[in-house]
Amino acid sequence: MNINAHLSLPDAPVGRRFRIHYLKSHAEICTRLRELGFCENAVVRCVTKGSSNIICEVCNTRVGLNTEVASGIIVSSLD
């Protein structure tokens, strides 16, 4: 994977750590994501993926997100 490539959180491989580059969604959703710890420059790791949800770890806390919401979280690889 190109280390400069940006991808949405649902496209990120399970188990790898990524840095949140930016959020792209409605202002209310971005605000709520930031309240949960999904801030720019935070490190996030996908723990597991289902057909319509993702469990990820951010700020040492596991959070479940709908894939539609998670698709607004743009990340880049830490590697």
C-alpha atoms as a PDB file:
ATOM      1  CA  MET A   1       0.000   0.000   0.000  1.00  0.00           C
ATOM      2  CA  ASN A   2       1.248   3.491  -0.836  1.00  0.00           C
ATOM      3  CA  ILE A   3       1.923   5.206   2.489  1.00  0.00           C
ATOM      4  CA  ASN A   4       0.631   8.500   1.124  1.00  0.00           C
ATOM      5  CA  ALA A   5      -2.647   6.981  -0.074  1.00  0.00           C
ATOM      6  CA  HIS A   6      -5.841   8.031   1.640  1.00  0.00           C
ATOM      7  CA  LEU A   7      -8.741   5.644   1.986  1.00  0.00           C
ATOM      8  CA  SER A   8     -11.975   5.485   3.910  1.00  0.00           C
ATOM      9  CA  LEU A   9     -12.079   3.516   7.143  1.00  0.00           C
ATOM     10  CA  PRO A  10     -14.243   0.696   5.703  1.00  0.00           C
ATOM     11  CA  ASP A  11     -11.550   0.130   3.046  1.00  0.00           C
ATOM     12  CA  ALA A  12      -8.754  -0.134   5.621  1.00  0.00           C
ATOM     13  CA  PRO A  13      -7.474  -3.662   6.329  1.00  0.00           C
ATOM     14  CA  VAL A  14      -8.413  -5.232   9.664  1.00  0.00           C
ATOM     15  CA  GLY A  15      -5.662  -5.190  12.275  1.00  0.00           C
ATOM     16  CA  ARG A  16      -3.550  -2.357  10.841  1.00  0.00           C
ATOM     17  CA  ARG A  17      -3.195   1.041  12.435  1.00  0.00           C
ATOM     18  CA  PHE A  18      -4.046   4.200  10.526  1.00  0.00           C
ATOM     19  CA  ARG A  19      -3.938   7.905  11.207  1.00  0.00           C
ATOM     20  CA  ILE A  20      -7.133   9.854  10.636  1.00  0.00           C
ATOM     21  CA  HIS A  21      -6.420  12.390   7.927  1.00  0.00           C
ATOM     22  CA  TYR A  22      -9.796  14.175   7.866  1.00  0.00           C
ATOM     23  CA  LEU A  23     -13.554  13.700   8.260  1.00  0.00           C
ATOM     24  CA  LYS A  24     -15.974  14.252   5.395  1.00  0.00           C
ATOM     25  CA  SER A  25     -19.610  14.175   6.375  1.00  0.00           C
ATOM     26  CA  HIS A  26     -22.374  16.423   7.679  1.00  0.00           C
ATOM     27  CA  ALA A  27     -21.237  18.841  10.391  1.00  0.00           C
ATOM     28  CA  GLU A  28     -23.327  17.100  13.067  1.00  0.00           C
ATOM     29  CA  ILE A  29     -21.821  13.697  12.282  1.00  0.00           C
ATOM     30  CA  CYS A  30     -18.270  15.096  12.238  1.00  0.00           C
ATOM     31  CA  THR A  31     -18.880  16.750  15.605  1.00  0.00           C
ATOM     32  CA  ARG A  32     -20.152  13.503  17.123  1.00  0.00           C
ATOM     33  CA  LEU A  33     -17.234  11.522  15.675  1.00  0.00           C
ATOM     34  CA  ARG A  34     -14.792  13.994  17.207  1.00  0.00           C
ATOM     35  CA  GLU A  35     -16.562  13.637  20.563  1.00  0.00           C
ATOM     36  CA  LEU A  36     -15.966   9.872  20.298  1.00  0.00           C
ATOM     37  CA  GLY A  37     -12.250  10.407  19.629  1.00  0.00           C
ATOM     38  CA  PHE A  38     -12.204  10.245  15.813  1.00  0.00           C
ATOM     39  CA  CYS A  39     -10.215  13.473  15.494  1.00  0.00           C
ATOM     40  CA  GLU A  40      -7.747  14.452  12.826  1.00  0.00           C
ATOM     41  CA  ASN A  41      -4.336  12.866  13.554  1.00  0.00           C
ATOM     42  CA  ALA A  42      -5.788  10.278  15.956  1.00  0.00           C
ATOM     43  CA  VAL A  43      -4.660   6.678  15.463  1.00  0.00           C
ATOM     44  CA  VAL A  44      -7.391   4.152  14.660  1.00  0.00           C
ATOM     45  CA  ARG A  45      -7.370   0.391  14.109  1.00  0.00           C
ATOM     46  CA  CYS A  46     -10.121  -1.726  12.554  1.00  0.00           C
ATOM     47  CA  VAL A  47     -10.798  -4.662  14.877  1.00  0.00           C
ATOM     48  CA  THR A  48     -13.492  -6.370  12.820  1.00  0.00           C
ATOM     49  CA  LYS A  49     -15.811  -5.666   9.903  1.00  0.00           C
ATOM     50  CA  GLY A  50     -19.301  -6.896   9.200  1.00  0.00           C
ATOM     51  CA  SER A  51     -21.553  -6.305   6.232  1.00  0.00           C
ATOM     52  CA  SER A  52     -22.982  -3.094   7.678  1.00  0.00           C
ATOM     53  CA  ASN A  53     -20.782  -2.199  10.637  1.00  0.00           C
ATOM     54  CA  ILE A  54     -17.197  -1.840  11.778  1.00  0.00           C
ATOM     55  CA  ILE A  55     -15.684  -2.192  15.212  1.00  0.00           C
ATOM     56  CA  CYS A  56     -12.586  -0.086  15.567  1.00  0.00           C
ATOM     57  CA  GLU A  57     -10.279   1.039  18.318  1.00  0.00           C
ATOM     58  CA  VAL A  58      -9.545   4.706  18.893  1.00  0.00           C
ATOM     59  CA  CYS A  59      -8.125   6.300  22.062  1.00  0.00           C
ATOM     60  CA  ASN A  60      -7.862   2.816  23.666  1.00  0.00           C
ATOM     61  CA  THR A  61     -11.641   2.356  23.304  1.00  0.00           C
ATOM     62  CA  ARG A  62     -13.544   0.065  20.958  1.00  0.00           C
ATOM     63  CA  VAL A  63     -16.354   1.755  19.073  1.00  0.00           C
ATOM     64  CA  GLY A  64     -18.900   0.299  16.667  1.00  0.00           C
ATOM     65  CA  LEU A  65     -19.770   2.369  13.614  1.00  0.00           C
ATOM     66  CA  ASN A  66     -22.178   1.973  10.736  1.00  0.00           C
ATOM     67  CA  THR A  67     -20.181   1.603   7.495  1.00  0.00           C
ATOM     68  CA  GLU A  68     -21.956   4.630   6.033  1.00  0.00           C
ATOM     69  CA  VAL A  69     -20.703   6.822   8.882  1.00  0.00           C
ATOM     70  CA  ALA A  70     -17.280   5.155   8.841  1.00  0.00           C
ATOM     71  CA  SER A  71     -16.909   5.894   5.133  1.00  0.00           C
ATOM     72  CA  GLY A  72     -16.606   9.580   6.041  1.00  0.00           C
ATOM     73  CA  ILE A  73     -13.453   8.879   8.069  1.00  0.00           C
ATOM     74  CA  ILE A  74     -10.478   9.272   5.730  1.00  0.00           C
ATOM     75  CA  VAL A  75      -7.287   7.618   6.932  1.00  0.00           C
ATOM     76  CA  SER A  76      -3.698   7.081   5.848  1.00  0.00           C
ATOM     77  CA  SER A  77      -1.320   4.272   6.791  1.00  0.00           C
ATOM     78  CA  LEU A  78       1.143   4.698   9.640  1.00  0.00           C
ATOM     79  CA  ASP A  79       3.634   2.390   7.898  1.00  0.00           C
END
